[in-house]
Amino acid sequence: MDRCWNPNHFCQNLAIEFKETCVDFPVIVTAIFGVFVVFGGVMGYVKAQSKASLIAGSITGGLLLLSAFLIAKGITAGAILGIVVSLLLIGQFGPSLLKKVKVMPNLLVVVLGLITVGVLVFSFFQ
């Protein structure tokens, strides 16, 4: 339980204590990003009938959720997987964001991807 949240050292420990369980902050961030990506893929299909959005969103979001699961289990490959998938999503949505600033999905994917990469890289070197 030494990795659980201490109000004075939140950034140092990167963990949140919730009742008797301890959930790592990187797990939460990666899982939120994964859920958002899956939801974005579903919305792309609903709004534009884009099967590519549904498939890509499901695969990349699923990989991010798998990454969060592996991180929670203490498996280093989970953080690496999360970083790689996040960087791929940034690489996909970043150039289109530079051409035309669209909040949904470009800006949100890039911002959440950068946050996820930052948190995972920081936690990786802890």
N, C-alpha and C. Protein backbone atom coordinates (compact mmCIF):
# COMPACT_ATOMS: atom_id res chain seq x y z
N MET A 1 0.82 -1.20 0.00
CA MET A 1 0.00 0.00 0.00
C MET A 1 0.86 1.25 0.00
N ASP A 2 2.17 1.12 -0.08
CA ASP A 2 3.05 2.27 -0.04
C ASP A 2 2.97 3.09 -1.32
N ARG A 3 2.39 2.55 -2.40
CA ARG A 3 2.26 3.30 -3.64
C ARG A 3 0.97 4.10 -3.67
N CYS A 4 0.13 3.98 -2.65
CA CYS A 4 -1.16 4.66 -2.66
C CYS A 4 -1.00 6.13 -2.35
N TRP A 5 -2.01 6.84 -2.67
CA TRP A 5 -2.01 8.29 -2.67
C TRP A 5 -1.77 8.90 -1.31
N ASN A 6 -0.82 9.76 -1.26
CA ASN A 6 -0.55 10.58 -0.10
C ASN A 6 -0.81 12.02 -0.55
N PRO A 7 -1.71 12.76 0.10
CA PRO A 7 -2.05 14.11 -0.37
C PRO A 7 -0.84 15.01 -0.56
N ASN A 8 0.23 14.77 0.17
CA ASN A 8 1.41 15.62 0.06
C ASN A 8 2.34 15.20 -1.08
N HIS A 9 2.18 14.00 -1.58
CA HIS A 9 3.10 13.49 -2.59
C HIS A 9 2.37 12.89 -3.79
N PHE A 10 1.27 13.51 -4.22
CA PHE A 10 0.47 12.94 -5.31
C PHE A 10 1.30 12.77 -6.58
N CYS A 11 1.98 13.82 -6.99
CA CYS A 11 2.76 13.74 -8.23
C CYS A 11 3.93 12.78 -8.09
N GLN A 12 4.43 12.63 -6.90
CA GLN A 12 5.56 11.74 -6.68
C GLN A 12 5.15 10.28 -6.79
N ASN A 13 4.00 9.92 -6.23
CA ASN A 13 3.58 8.53 -6.22
C ASN A 13 2.71 8.15 -7.41
N LEU A 14 2.04 9.11 -8.03
CA LEU A 14 1.13 8.85 -9.14
C LEU A 14 0.15 7.73 -8.86
N ALA A 15 -0.50 7.79 -7.73
CA ALA A 15 -1.50 6.78 -7.42
C ALA A 15 -2.64 7.44 -6.65
N ILE A 16 -3.81 6.82 -6.71
CA ILE A 16 -4.99 7.32 -6.02
C ILE A 16 -5.52 6.22 -5.12
N GLU A 17 -5.76 6.57 -3.88
CA GLU A 17 -6.32 5.59 -2.94
C GLU A 17 -7.82 5.75 -2.92
N PHE A 18 -8.53 4.66 -3.15
CA PHE A 18 -9.98 4.66 -3.13
C PHE A 18 -10.43 3.52 -2.24
N LYS A 19 -10.91 3.86 -1.05
CA LYS A 19 -11.27 2.88 -0.02
C LYS A 19 -10.07 1.97 0.26
N GLU A 20 -10.19 0.67 0.04
CA GLU A 20 -9.08 -0.23 0.33
C GLU A 20 -8.24 -0.57 -0.90
N THR A 21 -8.59 -0.02 -2.03
CA THR A 21 -7.84 -0.35 -3.24
C THR A 21 -6.94 0.80 -3.64
N CYS A 22 -5.94 0.47 -4.39
CA CYS A 22 -5.00 1.47 -4.87
C CYS A 22 -4.97 1.38 -6.39
N VAL A 23 -5.35 2.46 -7.05
CA VAL A 23 -5.40 2.47 -8.51
C VAL A 23 -4.37 3.48 -9.01
N ASP A 24 -3.48 3.01 -9.86
CA ASP A 24 -2.44 3.88 -10.40
C ASP A 24 -3.03 4.94 -11.32
N PHE A 25 -2.52 6.15 -11.23
CA PHE A 25 -2.95 7.25 -12.09
C PHE A 25 -2.73 6.91 -13.57
N PRO A 26 -1.60 6.32 -13.96
CA PRO A 26 -1.43 5.95 -15.38
C PRO A 26 -2.49 4.98 -15.89
N VAL A 27 -2.97 4.10 -15.02
CA VAL A 27 -4.04 3.17 -15.42
C VAL A 27 -5.31 3.95 -15.73
N ILE A 28 -5.64 4.89 -14.88
CA ILE A 28 -6.85 5.69 -15.07
C ILE A 28 -6.76 6.51 -16.36
N VAL A 29 -5.65 7.19 -16.56
CA VAL A 29 -5.48 8.04 -17.75
C VAL A 29 -5.54 7.20 -19.02
N THR A 30 -4.86 6.07 -19.04
CA THR A 30 -4.84 5.22 -20.22
C THR A 30 -6.22 4.63 -20.49
N ALA A 31 -6.91 4.21 -19.45
CA ALA A 31 -8.25 3.65 -19.62
C ALA A 31 -9.23 4.70 -20.14
N ILE A 32 -9.15 5.91 -19.62
CA ILE A 32 -10.03 6.99 -20.10
C ILE A 32 -9.77 7.26 -21.57
N PHE A 33 -8.52 7.32 -21.96
CA PHE A 33 -8.17 7.55 -23.36
C PHE A 33 -8.69 6.40 -24.22
N GLY A 34 -8.54 5.16 -23.74
CA GLY A 34 -9.03 4.00 -24.49
C GLY A 34 -10.54 4.04 -24.69
N VAL A 35 -11.28 4.36 -23.64
CA VAL A 35 -12.73 4.45 -23.74
C VAL A 35 -13.12 5.56 -24.71
N PHE A 36 -12.43 6.70 -24.62
CA PHE A 36 -12.72 7.81 -25.53
C PHE A 36 -12.48 7.41 -26.98
N VAL A 37 -11.41 6.69 -27.26
CA VAL A 37 -11.10 6.28 -28.63
C VAL A 37 -12.15 5.29 -29.15
N VAL A 38 -12.55 4.34 -28.32
CA VAL A 38 -13.61 3.41 -28.74
C VAL A 38 -14.90 4.18 -29.02
N PHE A 39 -15.25 5.08 -28.12
CA PHE A 39 -16.46 5.89 -28.29
C PHE A 39 -16.37 6.73 -29.57
N GLY A 40 -15.20 7.30 -29.84
CA GLY A 40 -15.01 8.09 -31.05
C GLY A 40 -15.18 7.25 -32.31
N GLY A 41 -14.70 6.02 -32.28
CA GLY A 41 -14.88 5.12 -33.42
C GLY A 41 -16.34 4.80 -33.65
N VAL A 42 -17.08 4.57 -32.57
CA VAL A 42 -18.51 4.29 -32.69
C VAL A 42 -19.24 5.52 -33.22
N MET A 43 -18.89 6.70 -32.72
CA MET A 43 -19.53 7.93 -33.19
C MET A 43 -19.21 8.19 -34.66
N GLY A 44 -18.00 7.88 -35.09
CA GLY A 44 -17.65 8.02 -36.49
C GLY A 44 -18.49 7.12 -37.37
N TYR A 45 -18.79 5.95 -36.87
CA TYR A 45 -19.65 5.03 -37.63
C TYR A 45 -21.10 5.52 -37.64
N VAL A 46 -21.58 5.99 -36.49
CA VAL A 46 -22.97 6.44 -36.40
C VAL A 46 -23.20 7.68 -37.26
N LYS A 47 -22.29 8.64 -37.19
CA LYS A 47 -22.48 9.91 -37.92
C LYS A 47 -22.17 9.80 -39.40
N ALA A 48 -21.10 9.08 -39.76
CA ALA A 48 -20.65 9.07 -41.16
C ALA A 48 -20.71 7.69 -41.79
N GLN A 49 -21.26 6.71 -41.07
CA GLN A 49 -21.29 5.33 -41.57
C GLN A 49 -19.90 4.83 -41.95
N SER A 50 -18.89 5.29 -41.21
CA SER A 50 -17.51 4.94 -41.49
C SER A 50 -17.12 3.66 -40.76
N LYS A 51 -17.07 2.57 -41.51
CA LYS A 51 -16.64 1.30 -40.91
C LYS A 51 -15.17 1.37 -40.51
N ALA A 52 -14.39 2.15 -41.25
CA ALA A 52 -12.97 2.31 -40.91
C ALA A 52 -12.81 2.94 -39.53
N SER A 53 -13.63 3.94 -39.23
CA SER A 53 -13.58 4.57 -37.90
C SER A 53 -13.94 3.58 -36.81
N LEU A 54 -14.96 2.80 -37.06
CA LEU A 54 -15.39 1.81 -36.08
C LEU A 54 -14.30 0.77 -35.83
N ILE A 55 -13.70 0.27 -36.90
CA ILE A 55 -12.66 -0.76 -36.77
C ILE A 55 -11.41 -0.18 -36.12
N ALA A 56 -10.94 0.97 -36.63
CA ALA A 56 -9.72 1.57 -36.08
C ALA A 56 -9.91 2.01 -34.64
N GLY A 57 -11.07 2.60 -34.34
CA GLY A 57 -11.35 3.02 -32.96
C GLY A 57 -11.43 1.85 -32.01
N SER A 58 -12.05 0.76 -32.47
CA SER A 58 -12.17 -0.42 -31.63
C SER A 58 -10.81 -1.07 -31.37
N ILE A 59 -10.00 -1.15 -32.41
CA ILE A 59 -8.68 -1.78 -32.25
C ILE A 59 -7.76 -0.94 -31.37
N THR A 60 -7.63 0.35 -31.70
CA THR A 60 -6.70 1.19 -30.92
C THR A 60 -7.22 1.43 -29.51
N GLY A 61 -8.53 1.64 -29.36
CA GLY A 61 -9.10 1.79 -28.02
C GLY A 61 -8.95 0.53 -27.21
N GLY A 62 -9.17 -0.63 -27.86
CA GLY A 62 -8.98 -1.91 -27.18
C GLY A 62 -7.54 -2.12 -26.74
N LEU A 63 -6.61 -1.71 -27.59
CA LEU A 63 -5.19 -1.82 -27.21
C LEU A 63 -4.86 -0.92 -26.03
N LEU A 64 -5.46 0.27 -25.99
CA LEU A 64 -5.23 1.17 -24.85
C LEU A 64 -5.84 0.58 -23.58
N LEU A 65 -7.01 -0.03 -23.68
CA LEU A 65 -7.61 -0.67 -22.51
C LEU A 65 -6.78 -1.87 -22.06
N LEU A 66 -6.25 -2.63 -23.02
CA LEU A 66 -5.33 -3.72 -22.68
C LEU A 66 -4.08 -3.17 -22.00
N SER A 67 -3.59 -2.06 -22.50
CA SER A 67 -2.43 -1.41 -21.89
C SER A 67 -2.72 -1.05 -20.43
N ALA A 68 -3.89 -0.46 -20.18
CA ALA A 68 -4.26 -0.08 -18.81
C ALA A 68 -4.32 -1.32 -17.91
N PHE A 69 -4.87 -2.40 -18.44
CA PHE A 69 -4.95 -3.65 -17.68
C PHE A 69 -3.56 -4.17 -17.34
N LEU A 70 -2.67 -4.17 -18.33
CA LEU A 70 -1.31 -4.66 -18.10
C LEU A 70 -0.55 -3.78 -17.11
N ILE A 71 -0.75 -2.47 -17.21
CA ILE A 71 -0.10 -1.54 -16.27
C ILE A 71 -0.59 -1.84 -14.85
N ALA A 72 -1.90 -2.07 -14.72
CA ALA A 72 -2.47 -2.37 -13.40
C ALA A 72 -1.89 -3.65 -12.82
N LYS A 73 -1.53 -4.59 -13.68
CA LYS A 73 -0.93 -5.85 -13.24
C LYS A 73 0.58 -5.72 -13.01
N GLY A 74 1.15 -4.55 -13.30
CA GLY A 74 2.57 -4.33 -13.08
C GLY A 74 3.46 -4.82 -14.21
N ILE A 75 2.89 -5.05 -15.38
CA ILE A 75 3.64 -5.54 -16.53
C ILE A 75 4.14 -4.34 -17.34
N THR A 76 5.44 -4.24 -17.48
CA THR A 76 6.07 -3.10 -18.16
C THR A 76 5.62 -2.94 -19.60
N ALA A 77 5.35 -4.04 -20.27
CA ALA A 77 4.91 -3.98 -21.67
C ALA A 77 3.63 -3.16 -21.82
N GLY A 78 2.83 -3.07 -20.77
CA GLY A 78 1.60 -2.28 -20.82
C GLY A 78 1.88 -0.81 -21.06
N ALA A 79 2.88 -0.28 -20.36
CA ALA A 79 3.24 1.13 -20.54
C ALA A 79 3.80 1.37 -21.94
N ILE A 80 4.62 0.43 -22.40
CA ILE A 80 5.19 0.57 -23.75
C ILE A 80 4.09 0.53 -24.80
N LEU A 81 3.15 -0.41 -24.64
CA LEU A 81 2.03 -0.50 -25.57
C LEU A 81 1.21 0.78 -25.57
N GLY A 82 0.93 1.32 -24.40
CA GLY A 82 0.16 2.56 -24.30
C GLY A 82 0.87 3.73 -24.96
N ILE A 83 2.18 3.82 -24.77
CA ILE A 83 2.95 4.90 -25.40
C ILE A 83 2.93 4.75 -26.91
N VAL A 84 3.15 3.55 -27.41
CA VAL A 84 3.19 3.33 -28.86
C VAL A 84 1.84 3.65 -29.50
N VAL A 85 0.76 3.13 -28.92
CA VAL A 85 -0.58 3.37 -29.49
C VAL A 85 -0.92 4.86 -29.42
N SER A 86 -0.60 5.51 -28.31
CA SER A 86 -0.87 6.95 -28.19
C SER A 86 -0.10 7.75 -29.22
N LEU A 87 1.17 7.39 -29.43
CA LEU A 87 1.97 8.10 -30.44
C LEU A 87 1.43 7.86 -31.84
N LEU A 88 0.95 6.65 -32.11
CA LEU A 88 0.34 6.37 -33.43
C LEU A 88 -0.92 7.22 -33.63
N LEU A 89 -1.72 7.35 -32.60
CA LEU A 89 -2.93 8.17 -32.72
C LEU A 89 -2.59 9.65 -32.90
N ILE A 90 -1.57 10.11 -32.17
CA ILE A 90 -1.12 11.50 -32.35
C ILE A 90 -0.62 11.70 -33.77
N GLY A 91 0.13 10.73 -34.28
CA GLY A 91 0.64 10.81 -35.65
C GLY A 91 -0.46 10.80 -36.69
N GLN A 92 -1.55 10.12 -36.40
CA GLN A 92 -2.68 10.07 -37.33
C GLN A 92 -3.51 11.36 -37.30
N PHE A 93 -3.79 11.86 -36.10
CA PHE A 93 -4.68 13.01 -35.97
C PHE A 93 -3.96 14.35 -35.94
N GLY A 94 -2.66 14.35 -35.62
CA GLY A 94 -1.90 15.60 -35.55
C GLY A 94 -1.84 16.38 -36.85
N PRO A 95 -1.45 15.75 -37.97
CA PRO A 95 -1.37 16.49 -39.23
C PRO A 95 -2.71 17.08 -39.67
N SER A 96 -3.80 16.35 -39.48
CA SER A 96 -5.10 16.91 -39.86
C SER A 96 -5.51 18.04 -38.93
N LEU A 97 -5.05 18.01 -37.68
CA LEU A 97 -5.31 19.10 -36.75
C LEU A 97 -4.59 20.36 -37.20
N LEU A 98 -3.37 20.19 -37.71
CA LEU A 98 -2.60 21.35 -38.18
C LEU A 98 -3.24 21.97 -39.43
N LYS A 99 -3.85 21.15 -40.26
CA LYS A 99 -4.52 21.67 -41.47
C LYS A 99 -5.80 22.40 -41.12
N LYS A 100 -6.61 21.79 -40.28
CA LYS A 100 -7.90 22.37 -39.90
C LYS A 100 -8.17 22.04 -38.44
N VAL A 101 -8.30 23.06 -37.63
CA VAL A 101 -8.51 22.85 -36.20
C VAL A 101 -9.96 22.43 -35.97
N LYS A 102 -10.13 21.16 -35.67
CA LYS A 102 -11.42 20.60 -35.31
C LYS A 102 -11.29 20.04 -33.91
N VAL A 103 -12.20 20.48 -33.03
CA VAL A 103 -12.13 20.02 -31.65
C VAL A 103 -12.38 18.51 -31.58
N MET A 104 -13.39 18.05 -32.31
CA MET A 104 -13.74 16.63 -32.27
C MET A 104 -13.50 16.03 -33.63
N PRO A 105 -12.73 15.03 -33.79
CA PRO A 105 -11.97 14.31 -32.78
C PRO A 105 -10.52 14.75 -32.70
N ASN A 106 -10.04 15.54 -33.68
CA ASN A 106 -8.60 15.82 -33.81
C ASN A 106 -7.96 16.39 -32.55
N LEU A 107 -8.47 17.50 -32.07
CA LEU A 107 -7.86 18.18 -30.93
C LEU A 107 -7.91 17.30 -29.68
N LEU A 108 -9.06 16.67 -29.43
CA LEU A 108 -9.19 15.84 -28.24
C LEU A 108 -8.27 14.63 -28.27
N VAL A 109 -8.15 13.99 -29.42
CA VAL A 109 -7.26 12.82 -29.52
C VAL A 109 -5.81 13.24 -29.31
N VAL A 110 -5.42 14.35 -29.91
CA VAL A 110 -4.03 14.81 -29.77
C VAL A 110 -3.74 15.21 -28.32
N VAL A 111 -4.63 15.95 -27.70
CA VAL A 111 -4.41 16.39 -26.31
C VAL A 111 -4.41 15.19 -25.36
N LEU A 112 -5.42 14.33 -25.48
CA LEU A 112 -5.45 13.15 -24.61
C LEU A 112 -4.27 12.22 -24.88
N GLY A 113 -3.86 12.13 -26.13
CA GLY A 113 -2.69 11.31 -26.46
C GLY A 113 -1.43 11.85 -25.83
N LEU A 114 -1.25 13.16 -25.90
CA LEU A 114 -0.06 13.78 -25.29
C LEU A 114 -0.06 13.62 -23.77
N ILE A 115 -1.23 13.78 -23.17
CA ILE A 115 -1.33 13.59 -21.72
C ILE A 115 -0.99 12.14 -21.35
N THR A 116 -1.54 11.20 -22.11
CA THR A 116 -1.29 9.79 -21.84
C THR A 116 0.19 9.45 -22.00
N VAL A 117 0.80 9.92 -23.08
CA VAL A 117 2.23 9.68 -23.29
C VAL A 117 3.04 10.28 -22.15
N GLY A 118 2.72 11.51 -21.78
CA GLY A 118 3.45 12.17 -20.69
C GLY A 118 3.35 11.41 -19.38
N VAL A 119 2.15 10.99 -19.03
CA VAL A 119 1.95 10.27 -17.77
C VAL A 119 2.66 8.92 -17.81
N LEU A 120 2.56 8.21 -18.95
CA LEU A 120 3.19 6.89 -19.03
C LEU A 120 4.71 6.98 -19.03
N VAL A 121 5.26 7.96 -19.74
CA VAL A 121 6.71 8.12 -19.76
C VAL A 121 7.20 8.50 -18.37
N PHE A 122 6.48 9.43 -17.72
CA PHE A 122 6.87 9.84 -16.37
C PHE A 122 6.83 8.66 -15.40
N SER A 123 5.74 7.87 -15.48
CA SER A 123 5.60 6.73 -14.56
C SER A 123 6.59 5.62 -14.90
N PHE A 124 6.98 5.52 -16.17
CA PHE A 124 7.91 4.50 -16.61
C PHE A 124 9.28 4.68 -15.95
N PHE A 125 9.65 5.93 -15.71
CA PHE A 125 10.96 6.23 -15.12
C PHE A 125 10.89 6.42 -13.61
N GLN A 126 9.77 6.12 -13.01
CA GLN A 126 9.65 6.23 -11.55
C GLN A 126 10.26 5.04 -10.87
